[in-house]
N, C-alpha and C. Protein backbone atom coordinates (compact mmCIF):
# COMPACT_ATOMS: atom_id res chain seq x y z
N MET A 1 0.85 -1.19 0.00
CA MET A 1 0.00 0.00 0.00
C MET A 1 0.88 1.24 0.00
N GLY A 2 0.54 2.20 -0.84
CA GLY A 2 1.31 3.42 -0.92
C GLY A 2 0.97 4.42 0.16
N LEU A 3 1.61 5.58 0.08
CA LEU A 3 1.41 6.65 1.04
C LEU A 3 0.29 7.59 0.58
N ILE A 4 -0.23 8.36 1.52
CA ILE A 4 -1.10 9.49 1.21
C ILE A 4 -0.29 10.75 1.46
N ALA A 5 -0.09 11.54 0.42
CA ALA A 5 0.77 12.72 0.52
C ALA A 5 0.04 13.96 0.02
N ILE A 6 0.06 15.00 0.84
CA ILE A 6 -0.44 16.31 0.43
C ILE A 6 0.68 17.00 -0.32
N ASP A 7 0.41 17.47 -1.52
CA ASP A 7 1.44 18.06 -2.38
C ASP A 7 0.88 19.36 -2.94
N ILE A 8 1.49 20.50 -2.55
CA ILE A 8 0.85 21.78 -2.87
C ILE A 8 1.89 22.89 -2.90
N SER A 9 1.69 23.86 -3.80
CA SER A 9 2.54 25.05 -3.85
C SER A 9 2.00 26.10 -2.89
N VAL A 10 2.91 26.81 -2.25
CA VAL A 10 2.52 27.76 -1.21
C VAL A 10 3.47 28.96 -1.24
N SER A 11 2.96 30.12 -0.89
CA SER A 11 3.79 31.31 -0.82
C SER A 11 4.61 31.31 0.46
N VAL A 12 5.60 32.17 0.52
CA VAL A 12 6.43 32.28 1.72
C VAL A 12 5.58 32.67 2.93
N ASP A 13 4.52 33.46 2.70
CA ASP A 13 3.66 33.84 3.82
C ASP A 13 2.47 32.90 4.00
N GLY A 14 2.52 31.73 3.39
CA GLY A 14 1.61 30.66 3.76
C GLY A 14 0.30 30.55 3.01
N TYR A 15 0.19 31.19 1.84
CA TYR A 15 -1.07 31.16 1.09
C TYR A 15 -0.95 30.24 -0.13
N VAL A 16 -2.04 29.53 -0.43
CA VAL A 16 -2.08 28.67 -1.61
C VAL A 16 -2.90 29.28 -2.74
N ALA A 17 -3.50 30.42 -2.50
CA ALA A 17 -4.21 31.20 -3.51
C ALA A 17 -4.26 32.64 -3.03
N GLY A 18 -4.33 33.55 -3.98
CA GLY A 18 -4.42 34.95 -3.62
C GLY A 18 -5.84 35.39 -3.30
N PRO A 19 -6.03 36.65 -2.96
CA PRO A 19 -7.37 37.15 -2.62
C PRO A 19 -8.23 37.34 -3.87
N ASN A 20 -9.53 37.43 -3.65
CA ASN A 20 -10.50 37.80 -4.69
C ASN A 20 -10.51 36.83 -5.86
N ALA A 21 -10.59 35.54 -5.55
CA ALA A 21 -10.68 34.53 -6.61
C ALA A 21 -11.94 34.74 -7.44
N SER A 22 -11.87 34.45 -8.74
CA SER A 22 -13.01 34.59 -9.64
C SER A 22 -12.90 33.53 -10.72
N HIS A 23 -13.91 33.45 -11.57
CA HIS A 23 -13.85 32.48 -12.67
C HIS A 23 -12.67 32.78 -13.58
N ASP A 24 -12.38 34.06 -13.81
CA ASP A 24 -11.26 34.43 -14.68
C ASP A 24 -9.93 34.28 -13.98
N GLU A 25 -9.91 34.42 -12.65
CA GLU A 25 -8.69 34.25 -11.86
C GLU A 25 -8.97 33.28 -10.72
N PRO A 26 -9.06 31.98 -11.01
CA PRO A 26 -9.45 31.02 -9.98
C PRO A 26 -8.45 30.92 -8.82
N LEU A 27 -7.21 31.33 -9.04
CA LEU A 27 -6.22 31.33 -7.96
C LEU A 27 -6.11 32.68 -7.28
N GLY A 28 -7.03 33.59 -7.58
CA GLY A 28 -7.01 34.90 -6.94
C GLY A 28 -5.93 35.80 -7.50
N LYS A 29 -5.88 37.02 -6.99
CA LYS A 29 -4.90 38.00 -7.44
C LYS A 29 -3.48 37.52 -7.10
N GLY A 30 -2.68 37.33 -8.12
CA GLY A 30 -1.30 36.93 -7.92
C GLY A 30 -1.09 35.46 -7.66
N GLY A 31 -2.18 34.68 -7.54
CA GLY A 31 -2.04 33.29 -7.16
C GLY A 31 -1.31 32.43 -8.17
N GLU A 32 -1.42 32.79 -9.46
CA GLU A 32 -0.76 31.98 -10.48
C GLU A 32 0.76 32.02 -10.33
N ARG A 33 1.27 33.05 -9.67
CA ARG A 33 2.72 33.15 -9.46
C ARG A 33 3.25 32.00 -8.62
N LEU A 34 2.39 31.37 -7.84
CA LEU A 34 2.82 30.23 -7.02
C LEU A 34 3.25 29.05 -7.88
N HIS A 35 2.76 29.01 -9.13
CA HIS A 35 2.99 27.84 -9.99
C HIS A 35 3.89 28.15 -11.17
N GLU A 36 4.46 29.35 -11.21
CA GLU A 36 5.31 29.70 -12.34
C GLU A 36 6.51 28.77 -12.45
N TRP A 37 6.95 28.23 -11.33
CA TRP A 37 8.14 27.36 -11.35
C TRP A 37 7.92 26.11 -12.20
N ILE A 38 6.67 25.68 -12.37
CA ILE A 38 6.40 24.41 -13.04
C ILE A 38 6.06 24.54 -14.52
N PHE A 39 5.60 25.72 -14.96
CA PHE A 39 5.03 25.84 -16.29
C PHE A 39 6.02 25.56 -17.42
N GLY A 40 7.28 25.85 -17.21
CA GLY A 40 8.26 25.66 -18.28
C GLY A 40 8.99 24.34 -18.24
N LEU A 41 8.62 23.46 -17.31
CA LEU A 41 9.35 22.20 -17.15
C LEU A 41 8.94 21.18 -18.20
N ASP A 42 9.89 20.38 -18.62
CA ASP A 42 9.64 19.36 -19.63
C ASP A 42 8.54 18.39 -19.19
N ALA A 43 8.59 17.93 -17.94
CA ALA A 43 7.61 16.95 -17.46
C ALA A 43 6.21 17.53 -17.46
N TRP A 44 6.07 18.78 -17.04
CA TRP A 44 4.75 19.43 -17.01
C TRP A 44 4.24 19.65 -18.43
N ARG A 45 5.10 20.13 -19.31
CA ARG A 45 4.68 20.41 -20.67
C ARG A 45 4.28 19.13 -21.41
N ALA A 46 5.02 18.06 -21.18
CA ALA A 46 4.69 16.79 -21.83
C ALA A 46 3.32 16.30 -21.42
N ARG A 47 2.99 16.44 -20.13
CA ARG A 47 1.67 16.02 -19.65
C ARG A 47 0.54 16.85 -20.24
N HIS A 48 0.86 18.03 -20.73
CA HIS A 48 -0.16 18.91 -21.32
C HIS A 48 -0.06 18.92 -22.84
N GLY A 49 0.64 17.93 -23.40
CA GLY A 49 0.71 17.80 -24.84
C GLY A 49 1.59 18.83 -25.52
N LEU A 50 2.54 19.41 -24.78
CA LEU A 50 3.42 20.44 -25.31
C LEU A 50 4.84 19.89 -25.46
N GLU A 51 5.57 20.38 -26.42
CA GLU A 51 6.93 19.93 -26.64
C GLU A 51 7.92 20.84 -25.94
N GLY A 52 9.16 20.32 -25.81
CA GLY A 52 10.23 21.13 -25.24
C GLY A 52 10.07 21.32 -23.76
N GLY A 53 10.86 22.20 -23.19
CA GLY A 53 10.78 22.45 -21.77
C GLY A 53 12.11 22.24 -21.09
N GLU A 54 12.21 22.79 -19.92
CA GLU A 54 13.45 22.76 -19.14
C GLU A 54 13.60 21.44 -18.41
N ARG A 55 14.81 20.90 -18.41
CA ARG A 55 15.15 19.72 -17.62
C ARG A 55 16.12 20.17 -16.53
N SER A 56 15.65 20.14 -15.30
CA SER A 56 16.37 20.74 -14.18
C SER A 56 16.06 19.95 -12.91
N VAL A 57 16.57 20.42 -11.80
CA VAL A 57 16.26 19.77 -10.53
C VAL A 57 14.76 19.83 -10.25
N ASP A 58 14.10 20.92 -10.63
CA ASP A 58 12.65 21.01 -10.45
C ASP A 58 11.93 19.99 -11.32
N ASN A 59 12.42 19.81 -12.53
CA ASN A 59 11.83 18.82 -13.42
C ASN A 59 11.97 17.42 -12.84
N ASN A 60 13.10 17.15 -12.20
CA ASN A 60 13.29 15.84 -11.56
C ASN A 60 12.26 15.61 -10.47
N VAL A 61 11.95 16.66 -9.69
CA VAL A 61 10.94 16.54 -8.64
C VAL A 61 9.59 16.19 -9.24
N VAL A 62 9.22 16.85 -10.33
CA VAL A 62 7.93 16.60 -10.96
C VAL A 62 7.89 15.21 -11.57
N GLU A 63 8.95 14.80 -12.23
CA GLU A 63 8.99 13.46 -12.83
C GLU A 63 8.83 12.38 -11.76
N GLU A 64 9.51 12.56 -10.64
CA GLU A 64 9.40 11.58 -9.55
C GLU A 64 7.97 11.52 -9.03
N ALA A 65 7.35 12.68 -8.86
CA ALA A 65 5.98 12.73 -8.36
C ALA A 65 5.02 12.04 -9.32
N LEU A 66 5.14 12.32 -10.60
CA LEU A 66 4.24 11.72 -11.58
C LEU A 66 4.37 10.20 -11.60
N ALA A 67 5.57 9.71 -11.35
CA ALA A 67 5.77 8.26 -11.31
C ALA A 67 5.18 7.63 -10.05
N ARG A 68 5.08 8.42 -8.97
CA ARG A 68 4.61 7.88 -7.69
C ARG A 68 3.09 7.82 -7.60
N TRP A 69 2.41 8.82 -8.16
CA TRP A 69 0.98 8.95 -7.91
C TRP A 69 0.19 7.88 -8.65
N GLY A 70 -0.70 7.22 -7.89
CA GLY A 70 -1.61 6.24 -8.48
C GLY A 70 -3.05 6.69 -8.45
N ALA A 71 -3.34 7.79 -7.74
CA ALA A 71 -4.68 8.37 -7.68
C ALA A 71 -4.55 9.77 -7.12
N VAL A 72 -5.55 10.60 -7.39
CA VAL A 72 -5.54 12.00 -6.98
C VAL A 72 -6.85 12.33 -6.27
N VAL A 73 -6.76 13.06 -5.16
CA VAL A 73 -7.93 13.60 -4.48
C VAL A 73 -7.85 15.12 -4.53
N MET A 74 -8.94 15.76 -4.93
CA MET A 74 -8.97 17.21 -4.99
C MET A 74 -10.36 17.71 -4.63
N GLY A 75 -10.46 19.00 -4.38
CA GLY A 75 -11.75 19.60 -4.08
C GLY A 75 -12.46 20.09 -5.33
N ARG A 76 -13.73 20.42 -5.15
CA ARG A 76 -14.56 20.92 -6.25
C ARG A 76 -13.94 22.17 -6.89
N LYS A 77 -13.40 23.06 -6.09
CA LYS A 77 -12.87 24.30 -6.66
C LYS A 77 -11.63 24.05 -7.50
N MET A 78 -10.84 23.05 -7.13
CA MET A 78 -9.68 22.73 -7.96
C MET A 78 -10.10 22.06 -9.25
N TRP A 79 -11.22 21.33 -9.20
CA TRP A 79 -11.69 20.67 -10.42
C TRP A 79 -12.31 21.67 -11.39
N SER A 80 -13.22 22.51 -10.87
CA SER A 80 -13.96 23.36 -11.80
C SER A 80 -14.34 24.73 -11.25
N GLY A 81 -14.05 24.98 -9.97
CA GLY A 81 -14.63 26.17 -9.36
C GLY A 81 -16.09 25.91 -9.04
N GLY A 82 -16.76 26.92 -8.59
CA GLY A 82 -18.19 26.78 -8.29
C GLY A 82 -18.44 26.07 -6.99
N SER A 83 -19.69 26.12 -6.54
CA SER A 83 -20.05 25.48 -5.27
C SER A 83 -21.48 24.95 -5.26
N GLY A 84 -22.30 25.34 -6.22
CA GLY A 84 -23.69 24.92 -6.23
C GLY A 84 -23.90 23.64 -7.01
N PRO A 85 -25.15 23.31 -7.32
CA PRO A 85 -25.43 22.11 -8.12
C PRO A 85 -24.69 22.15 -9.45
N TRP A 86 -24.31 20.98 -9.93
CA TRP A 86 -23.50 20.90 -11.14
C TRP A 86 -24.22 21.48 -12.35
N GLY A 87 -25.54 21.35 -12.37
CA GLY A 87 -26.27 21.88 -13.51
C GLY A 87 -26.22 23.39 -13.63
N ASP A 88 -25.90 24.06 -12.51
CA ASP A 88 -25.80 25.52 -12.52
C ASP A 88 -24.39 26.01 -12.80
N ASP A 89 -23.44 25.08 -12.96
CA ASP A 89 -22.03 25.44 -13.09
C ASP A 89 -21.65 25.52 -14.57
N PRO A 90 -21.36 26.72 -15.09
CA PRO A 90 -20.99 26.83 -16.50
C PRO A 90 -19.66 26.17 -16.82
N ASN A 91 -18.89 25.88 -15.77
CA ASN A 91 -17.58 25.25 -15.96
C ASN A 91 -17.59 23.82 -15.43
N ALA A 92 -18.75 23.16 -15.47
CA ALA A 92 -18.88 21.84 -14.86
C ALA A 92 -17.91 20.82 -15.43
N GLY A 93 -17.49 21.01 -16.67
CA GLY A 93 -16.54 20.09 -17.28
C GLY A 93 -15.15 20.16 -16.69
N GLY A 94 -14.86 21.20 -15.94
CA GLY A 94 -13.57 21.32 -15.27
C GLY A 94 -12.60 22.23 -16.00
N TRP A 95 -11.54 22.60 -15.25
CA TRP A 95 -10.50 23.46 -15.80
C TRP A 95 -9.58 22.69 -16.75
N TRP A 96 -9.65 21.37 -16.76
CA TRP A 96 -8.56 20.55 -17.29
C TRP A 96 -8.76 20.07 -18.72
N GLY A 97 -9.86 20.43 -19.37
CA GLY A 97 -10.08 20.08 -20.77
C GLY A 97 -10.47 18.63 -20.95
N ASP A 98 -10.43 18.19 -22.21
CA ASP A 98 -10.88 16.84 -22.55
C ASP A 98 -9.82 15.77 -22.28
N ASP A 99 -8.58 16.17 -22.03
CA ASP A 99 -7.50 15.22 -21.73
C ASP A 99 -6.74 15.71 -20.51
N PRO A 100 -7.33 15.54 -19.31
CA PRO A 100 -6.67 16.03 -18.10
C PRO A 100 -5.28 15.41 -17.94
N PRO A 101 -4.35 16.13 -17.32
CA PRO A 101 -2.97 15.65 -17.24
C PRO A 101 -2.73 14.57 -16.19
N PHE A 102 -3.77 14.15 -15.47
CA PHE A 102 -3.55 13.25 -14.33
C PHE A 102 -3.29 11.81 -14.77
N ARG A 103 -4.12 11.28 -15.66
CA ARG A 103 -3.95 9.94 -16.23
C ARG A 103 -3.95 8.83 -15.17
N VAL A 104 -4.54 9.11 -14.05
CA VAL A 104 -4.84 8.15 -12.99
C VAL A 104 -6.22 8.52 -12.45
N PRO A 105 -6.87 7.65 -11.67
CA PRO A 105 -8.19 8.01 -11.14
C PRO A 105 -8.15 9.27 -10.29
N VAL A 106 -9.14 10.14 -10.50
CA VAL A 106 -9.27 11.39 -9.74
C VAL A 106 -10.58 11.33 -8.96
N PHE A 107 -10.52 11.70 -7.68
CA PHE A 107 -11.67 11.71 -6.79
C PHE A 107 -11.91 13.15 -6.35
N VAL A 108 -13.05 13.71 -6.75
CA VAL A 108 -13.38 15.11 -6.50
C VAL A 108 -14.35 15.19 -5.34
N LEU A 109 -13.95 15.86 -4.28
CA LEU A 109 -14.84 16.08 -3.14
C LEU A 109 -15.87 17.16 -3.49
N THR A 110 -17.14 16.87 -3.27
CA THR A 110 -18.21 17.80 -3.61
C THR A 110 -19.41 17.54 -2.71
N HIS A 111 -20.25 18.57 -2.56
CA HIS A 111 -21.50 18.41 -1.81
C HIS A 111 -22.65 17.98 -2.72
N HIS A 112 -22.40 17.91 -4.03
CA HIS A 112 -23.48 17.65 -4.98
C HIS A 112 -23.16 16.42 -5.81
N ALA A 113 -24.07 15.46 -5.78
CA ALA A 113 -23.85 14.18 -6.46
C ALA A 113 -23.74 14.38 -7.98
N ARG A 114 -22.96 13.51 -8.58
CA ARG A 114 -22.75 13.56 -10.03
C ARG A 114 -22.24 12.20 -10.47
N GLU A 115 -22.65 11.75 -11.63
CA GLU A 115 -22.22 10.46 -12.15
C GLU A 115 -20.73 10.49 -12.50
N PRO A 116 -20.04 9.39 -12.27
CA PRO A 116 -18.62 9.34 -12.67
C PRO A 116 -18.48 9.43 -14.18
N GLU A 117 -17.30 9.81 -14.62
CA GLU A 117 -17.04 9.92 -16.05
C GLU A 117 -15.58 9.61 -16.31
N VAL A 118 -15.26 9.45 -17.58
CA VAL A 118 -13.87 9.22 -17.99
C VAL A 118 -13.54 10.24 -19.07
N LYS A 119 -12.43 10.95 -18.87
CA LYS A 119 -11.94 11.88 -19.88
C LYS A 119 -10.58 11.37 -20.35
N ALA A 120 -10.52 10.95 -21.59
CA ALA A 120 -9.30 10.35 -22.14
C ALA A 120 -8.85 9.22 -21.21
N SER A 121 -7.66 9.33 -20.61
CA SER A 121 -7.16 8.26 -19.74
C SER A 121 -7.33 8.58 -18.26
N THR A 122 -8.23 9.53 -17.93
CA THR A 122 -8.44 9.94 -16.53
C THR A 122 -9.87 9.63 -16.11
N PRO A 123 -10.10 8.61 -15.27
CA PRO A 123 -11.42 8.39 -14.69
C PRO A 123 -11.66 9.39 -13.55
N ILE A 124 -12.85 9.94 -13.49
CA ILE A 124 -13.19 10.93 -12.46
C ILE A 124 -14.41 10.45 -11.69
N GLU A 125 -14.30 10.44 -10.37
CA GLU A 125 -15.42 10.09 -9.51
C GLU A 125 -15.69 11.26 -8.57
N PHE A 126 -16.96 11.56 -8.37
CA PHE A 126 -17.37 12.69 -7.54
C PHE A 126 -17.89 12.14 -6.22
N VAL A 127 -17.23 12.51 -5.13
CA VAL A 127 -17.45 11.89 -3.82
C VAL A 127 -18.17 12.87 -2.91
N THR A 128 -19.35 12.48 -2.44
CA THR A 128 -20.14 13.34 -1.55
C THR A 128 -20.06 12.89 -0.10
N GLU A 129 -19.40 11.77 0.17
CA GLU A 129 -19.42 11.20 1.53
C GLU A 129 -18.29 11.70 2.42
N GLY A 130 -17.45 12.60 1.92
CA GLY A 130 -16.43 13.18 2.77
C GLY A 130 -15.02 12.69 2.46
N ILE A 131 -14.05 13.32 3.14
CA ILE A 131 -12.64 13.10 2.84
C ILE A 131 -12.19 11.68 3.12
N GLU A 132 -12.66 11.07 4.20
CA GLU A 132 -12.19 9.72 4.53
C GLU A 132 -12.63 8.72 3.47
N VAL A 133 -13.84 8.86 2.97
CA VAL A 133 -14.31 7.97 1.90
C VAL A 133 -13.49 8.22 0.63
N ALA A 134 -13.25 9.49 0.31
CA ALA A 134 -12.47 9.81 -0.88
C ALA A 134 -11.07 9.22 -0.79
N LEU A 135 -10.43 9.35 0.37
CA LEU A 135 -9.08 8.81 0.54
C LEU A 135 -9.09 7.28 0.46
N GLY A 136 -10.12 6.66 1.03
CA GLY A 136 -10.22 5.21 0.98
C GLY A 136 -10.36 4.70 -0.45
N ARG A 137 -11.21 5.35 -1.23
CA ARG A 137 -11.40 4.93 -2.61
C ARG A 137 -10.14 5.20 -3.43
N ALA A 138 -9.49 6.33 -3.16
CA ALA A 138 -8.26 6.64 -3.88
C ALA A 138 -7.17 5.63 -3.55
N ARG A 139 -7.06 5.28 -2.30
CA ARG A 139 -6.03 4.30 -1.90
C ARG A 139 -6.29 2.95 -2.57
N ALA A 140 -7.53 2.54 -2.64
CA ALA A 140 -7.86 1.27 -3.30
C ALA A 140 -7.52 1.34 -4.79
N ALA A 141 -7.80 2.49 -5.42
CA ALA A 141 -7.52 2.65 -6.84
C ALA A 141 -6.02 2.72 -7.11
N ALA A 142 -5.26 3.30 -6.18
CA ALA A 142 -3.83 3.50 -6.39
C ALA A 142 -3.03 2.22 -6.22
N GLY A 143 -3.56 1.25 -5.48
CA GLY A 143 -2.83 0.02 -5.26
C GLY A 143 -1.55 0.26 -4.47
N SER A 144 -0.42 -0.11 -5.03
CA SER A 144 0.86 0.05 -4.34
C SER A 144 1.46 1.44 -4.53
N ARG A 145 0.85 2.25 -5.37
CA ARG A 145 1.36 3.60 -5.61
C ARG A 145 0.76 4.57 -4.59
N ASP A 146 1.24 5.81 -4.61
CA ASP A 146 0.82 6.80 -3.63
C ASP A 146 -0.43 7.54 -4.06
N VAL A 147 -1.12 8.10 -3.08
CA VAL A 147 -2.28 8.96 -3.32
C VAL A 147 -1.84 10.41 -3.16
N LEU A 148 -2.13 11.21 -4.16
CA LEU A 148 -1.85 12.64 -4.12
C LEU A 148 -3.08 13.39 -3.64
N VAL A 149 -2.94 14.14 -2.55
CA VAL A 149 -3.96 15.10 -2.14
C VAL A 149 -3.51 16.44 -2.70
N ALA A 150 -4.22 16.90 -3.74
CA ALA A 150 -3.71 18.01 -4.55
C ALA A 150 -4.20 19.38 -4.09
N GLY A 151 -5.26 19.47 -3.37
CA GLY A 151 -5.75 20.77 -2.96
C GLY A 151 -7.23 20.93 -3.27
N GLY A 152 -7.76 22.08 -2.94
CA GLY A 152 -7.08 23.22 -2.35
C GLY A 152 -6.83 23.07 -0.87
N ALA A 153 -6.72 24.23 -0.22
CA ALA A 153 -6.34 24.27 1.18
C ALA A 153 -7.30 23.48 2.07
N SER A 154 -8.60 23.60 1.81
CA SER A 154 -9.58 22.92 2.66
C SER A 154 -9.40 21.41 2.60
N VAL A 155 -9.14 20.87 1.40
CA VAL A 155 -8.95 19.43 1.27
C VAL A 155 -7.68 18.99 1.99
N ALA A 156 -6.61 19.78 1.86
CA ALA A 156 -5.37 19.46 2.56
C ALA A 156 -5.59 19.47 4.07
N GLN A 157 -6.33 20.47 4.56
CA GLN A 157 -6.60 20.55 6.00
C GLN A 157 -7.43 19.36 6.47
N GLN A 158 -8.42 18.97 5.68
CA GLN A 158 -9.25 17.82 6.04
C GLN A 158 -8.43 16.54 6.08
N ALA A 159 -7.53 16.38 5.10
CA ALA A 159 -6.70 15.18 5.07
C ALA A 159 -5.80 15.11 6.30
N LEU A 160 -5.24 16.22 6.71
CA LEU A 160 -4.41 16.24 7.92
C LEU A 160 -5.26 15.94 9.15
N ALA A 161 -6.46 16.50 9.20
CA ALA A 161 -7.31 16.33 10.38
C ALA A 161 -7.75 14.88 10.56
N THR A 162 -7.86 14.12 9.47
CA THR A 162 -8.26 12.71 9.60
C THR A 162 -7.17 11.86 10.24
N GLY A 163 -5.92 12.34 10.19
CA GLY A 163 -4.81 11.52 10.65
C GLY A 163 -4.36 10.50 9.64
N LEU A 164 -4.92 10.53 8.41
CA LEU A 164 -4.57 9.55 7.39
C LEU A 164 -3.41 9.98 6.51
N ALA A 165 -3.10 11.27 6.47
CA ALA A 165 -2.01 11.75 5.62
C ALA A 165 -0.67 11.30 6.19
N ASP A 166 0.19 10.81 5.31
CA ASP A 166 1.50 10.32 5.71
C ASP A 166 2.61 11.34 5.49
N GLU A 167 2.48 12.16 4.46
CA GLU A 167 3.53 13.11 4.12
C GLU A 167 2.93 14.44 3.68
N LEU A 168 3.77 15.46 3.77
CA LEU A 168 3.40 16.81 3.35
C LEU A 168 4.53 17.32 2.46
N HIS A 169 4.22 17.59 1.19
CA HIS A 169 5.20 18.09 0.23
C HIS A 169 4.82 19.53 -0.10
N LEU A 170 5.65 20.47 0.31
CA LEU A 170 5.41 21.88 0.05
C LEU A 170 6.39 22.39 -0.99
N HIS A 171 5.88 23.10 -1.98
CA HIS A 171 6.71 23.76 -2.98
C HIS A 171 6.60 25.26 -2.68
N VAL A 172 7.61 25.79 -2.00
CA VAL A 172 7.55 27.15 -1.48
C VAL A 172 8.08 28.11 -2.54
N ALA A 173 7.16 28.87 -3.13
CA ALA A 173 7.52 29.83 -4.16
C ALA A 173 8.00 31.13 -3.51
N PRO A 174 8.98 31.80 -4.11
CA PRO A 174 9.50 33.05 -3.54
C PRO A 174 8.55 34.21 -3.81
N VAL A 175 7.38 34.12 -3.20
CA VAL A 175 6.30 35.08 -3.42
C VAL A 175 5.67 35.42 -2.08
N LEU A 176 5.37 36.69 -1.87
CA LEU A 176 4.55 37.13 -0.74
C LEU A 176 3.22 37.64 -1.30
N LEU A 177 2.14 36.90 -1.01
CA LEU A 177 0.83 37.30 -1.55
C LEU A 177 0.13 38.31 -0.66
N GLY A 178 0.44 38.33 0.62
CA GLY A 178 -0.14 39.32 1.52
C GLY A 178 -1.58 39.06 1.91
N GLY A 179 -2.16 37.98 1.45
CA GLY A 179 -3.54 37.64 1.77
C GLY A 179 -4.03 36.59 0.80
N GLY A 180 -5.22 36.07 1.07
CA GLY A 180 -5.79 35.05 0.21
C GLY A 180 -6.24 33.85 1.00
N VAL A 181 -5.94 32.66 0.51
CA VAL A 181 -6.37 31.41 1.14
C VAL A 181 -5.17 30.78 1.84
N PRO A 182 -5.17 30.76 3.19
CA PRO A 182 -4.02 30.19 3.90
C PRO A 182 -4.04 28.67 3.87
N LEU A 183 -2.87 28.07 3.71
CA LEU A 183 -2.80 26.62 3.78
C LEU A 183 -3.16 26.14 5.18
N PHE A 184 -2.66 26.82 6.19
CA PHE A 184 -2.94 26.44 7.58
C PHE A 184 -3.62 27.61 8.27
N PRO A 185 -4.91 27.49 8.58
CA PRO A 185 -5.60 28.57 9.27
C PRO A 185 -5.11 28.70 10.71
N GLY A 186 -5.48 29.78 11.34
CA GLY A 186 -5.03 30.00 12.71
C GLY A 186 -5.59 29.02 13.71
N ASP A 187 -6.72 28.39 13.39
CA ASP A 187 -7.29 27.40 14.29
C ASP A 187 -8.01 26.35 13.45
N GLY A 188 -8.51 25.33 14.10
CA GLY A 188 -9.30 24.33 13.40
C GLY A 188 -8.57 23.05 13.07
N LEU A 189 -7.23 23.06 13.12
CA LEU A 189 -6.47 21.85 12.86
C LEU A 189 -5.97 21.26 14.17
N PRO A 190 -6.05 19.94 14.32
CA PRO A 190 -5.46 19.33 15.51
C PRO A 190 -3.94 19.43 15.44
N PRO A 191 -3.25 19.47 16.58
CA PRO A 191 -1.79 19.52 16.54
C PRO A 191 -1.22 18.26 15.90
N ALA A 192 -0.10 18.42 15.21
CA ALA A 192 0.56 17.29 14.57
C ALA A 192 2.06 17.47 14.68
N ARG A 193 2.75 16.36 14.81
CA ARG A 193 4.20 16.38 14.85
C ARG A 193 4.73 15.92 13.50
N LEU A 194 5.71 16.67 12.97
CA LEU A 194 6.27 16.36 11.67
C LEU A 194 7.75 16.06 11.79
N GLU A 195 8.23 15.18 10.94
CA GLU A 195 9.66 14.92 10.80
C GLU A 195 10.14 15.48 9.47
N HIS A 196 11.31 16.08 9.49
CA HIS A 196 11.87 16.63 8.27
C HIS A 196 12.23 15.51 7.31
N GLY A 197 11.80 15.62 6.06
CA GLY A 197 12.05 14.57 5.08
C GLY A 197 12.96 14.97 3.95
N GLY A 198 13.46 16.22 3.97
CA GLY A 198 14.40 16.65 2.94
C GLY A 198 14.01 17.96 2.29
N VAL A 199 15.02 18.63 1.73
CA VAL A 199 14.84 19.90 1.03
C VAL A 199 15.59 19.83 -0.29
N ILE A 200 14.94 20.30 -1.35
CA ILE A 200 15.58 20.45 -2.65
C ILE A 200 15.38 21.90 -3.07
N GLU A 201 16.48 22.58 -3.38
CA GLU A 201 16.42 24.00 -3.70
C GLU A 201 16.70 24.24 -5.18
N SER A 202 16.11 25.32 -5.68
CA SER A 202 16.44 25.83 -7.01
C SER A 202 16.20 27.33 -6.98
N PRO A 203 16.62 28.04 -8.02
CA PRO A 203 16.34 29.48 -8.05
C PRO A 203 14.85 29.81 -8.10
N ALA A 204 14.03 28.85 -8.54
CA ALA A 204 12.61 29.12 -8.76
C ALA A 204 11.73 28.77 -7.59
N VAL A 205 12.11 27.78 -6.78
CA VAL A 205 11.22 27.24 -5.74
C VAL A 205 12.04 26.39 -4.78
N THR A 206 11.53 26.21 -3.58
CA THR A 206 12.14 25.32 -2.60
C THR A 206 11.16 24.20 -2.27
N HIS A 207 11.58 22.96 -2.50
CA HIS A 207 10.74 21.80 -2.26
C HIS A 207 11.08 21.24 -0.88
N VAL A 208 10.08 21.20 0.00
CA VAL A 208 10.28 20.74 1.37
C VAL A 208 9.34 19.57 1.64
N ARG A 209 9.89 18.50 2.19
CA ARG A 209 9.09 17.31 2.47
C ARG A 209 9.10 17.03 3.97
N TYR A 210 7.92 16.70 4.51
CA TYR A 210 7.77 16.32 5.91
C TYR A 210 7.03 14.99 5.99
N ARG A 211 7.36 14.23 7.00
CA ARG A 211 6.62 13.00 7.34
C ARG A 211 5.78 13.28 8.58
N VAL A 212 4.55 12.79 8.58
CA VAL A 212 3.67 12.94 9.72
C VAL A 212 3.98 11.83 10.72
N VAL A 213 4.29 12.22 11.94
CA VAL A 213 4.65 11.27 12.99
C VAL A 213 3.38 10.87 13.72
N ARG A 214 3.18 9.55 13.88
CA ARG A 214 2.00 9.07 14.60
C ARG A 214 2.44 8.41 15.89
């Protein structure tokens, strides 16, 4: 059985999205800057059907992650934005197009039921029963590979609160957003002890890994 790992980009001041998120700016003001480190990488571009790209220490991190993940858990807002019934969502098909880059089963946490579907090589299931059910189904689908908890912040917080998350992978971008969606709110999370699992640095981002101690 693989690990359950939260993997998310975050600003130096602790935000995973900027303020004033909208359909046109789903990551809020300045939030896209958190992910600039990945857009030019060979591994990321290949997954999006693009040629070329940089091969660097950051690319190695992404390649390793793509090889590890056997399933993905994410929230409704990361899938498509919106919060109401799916029939009212003009973006119900998701941000990811007809060929999402995941290519493993994806489990979307939502309050509104929806039939599962398959887009190219990515099966998508919409889970209304909560984070523990989503993680259980993802773990079964992943087999011996790891489960990626991709975000947003609420899903990461829920995964930590269940005590089921094994690792925390932070990609710390050299950005101060000054506000927005904090990865760790001031309250609401149970205390947890972490062990340092390694740091990989580059000019673009710092990759920090922690293990959750039980």
